[in-house]
């Protein structure tokens, strides 16, 4: 889930495998939080340490 950085009704384009994917602000993190999540996952391999997850 997002961290409230972007309003939930805002759409953000995120490049995934060279194609843009649209996400609402409900799923957007600021750069520092996103980087922390990536580093934590690399170190622990535990997705439960990254915060709330939801099915897209």
Protein backbone atom coordinates (compact mmCIF):
# COMPACT_ATOMS: atom_id res chain seq x y z
CA UNK A 1 0.00 0.00 0.00
CA UNK A 2 1.04 3.57 -0.54
CA UNK A 3 2.41 5.87 2.12
CA UNK A 4 0.08 8.83 1.50
CA UNK A 5 2.66 10.72 -0.54
CA UNK A 6 0.29 10.92 -3.52
CA UNK A 7 -3.47 11.53 -3.26
CA UNK A 8 -5.48 8.35 -3.88
CA UNK A 9 -7.28 9.86 -6.89
CA UNK A 10 -4.01 10.71 -8.69
CA UNK A 11 -2.75 8.32 -11.39
CA UNK A 12 1.02 7.75 -11.68
CA UNK A 13 2.81 6.05 -14.61
CA UNK A 14 5.49 3.59 -13.49
CA UNK A 15 7.83 2.03 -16.09
CA UNK A 16 7.77 -1.77 -15.79
CA UNK A 17 9.81 -3.73 -18.32
CA UNK A 18 9.85 -0.70 -20.68
CA UNK A 19 6.06 -0.34 -20.62
CA UNK A 20 4.24 2.22 -18.50
CA UNK A 21 1.81 0.87 -15.90
CA UNK A 22 -0.75 3.10 -14.20
CA UNK A 23 -1.18 3.06 -10.44
CA UNK A 24 -3.34 5.26 -8.26
CA UNK A 25 -1.90 7.11 -5.30
CA UNK A 26 -3.18 4.30 -3.07
CA UNK A 27 -0.15 2.28 -4.22
CA UNK A 28 2.57 4.97 -4.51
CA UNK A 29 5.52 5.31 -2.12
CA UNK A 30 8.00 8.15 -1.92
CA UNK A 31 11.48 7.30 -3.23
CA UNK A 32 13.09 6.91 0.20
CA UNK A 33 10.37 4.54 1.47
CA UNK A 34 10.46 2.52 -1.77
CA UNK A 35 14.25 2.18 -1.57
CA UNK A 36 14.02 1.08 2.07
CA UNK A 37 11.47 -1.57 1.08
CA UNK A 38 13.70 -2.88 -1.71
CA UNK A 39 16.77 -3.03 0.55
CA UNK A 40 14.81 -4.72 3.35
CA UNK A 41 13.45 -7.34 0.97
CA UNK A 42 16.92 -8.04 -0.46
CA UNK A 43 18.34 -8.48 3.04
CA UNK A 44 15.51 -10.50 4.59
CA UNK A 45 13.56 -12.04 1.71
CA UNK A 46 10.46 -11.56 3.86
CA UNK A 47 7.65 -9.62 2.19
CA UNK A 48 5.83 -9.38 5.53
CA UNK A 49 8.48 -6.88 6.71
CA UNK A 50 7.52 -4.42 3.95
CA UNK A 51 4.13 -3.26 5.17
CA UNK A 52 0.56 -3.94 4.06
CA UNK A 53 0.03 -5.96 0.86
CA UNK A 54 -3.10 -6.23 -1.26
CA UNK A 55 -4.13 -8.08 -4.40
CA UNK A 56 -4.11 -5.95 -7.56
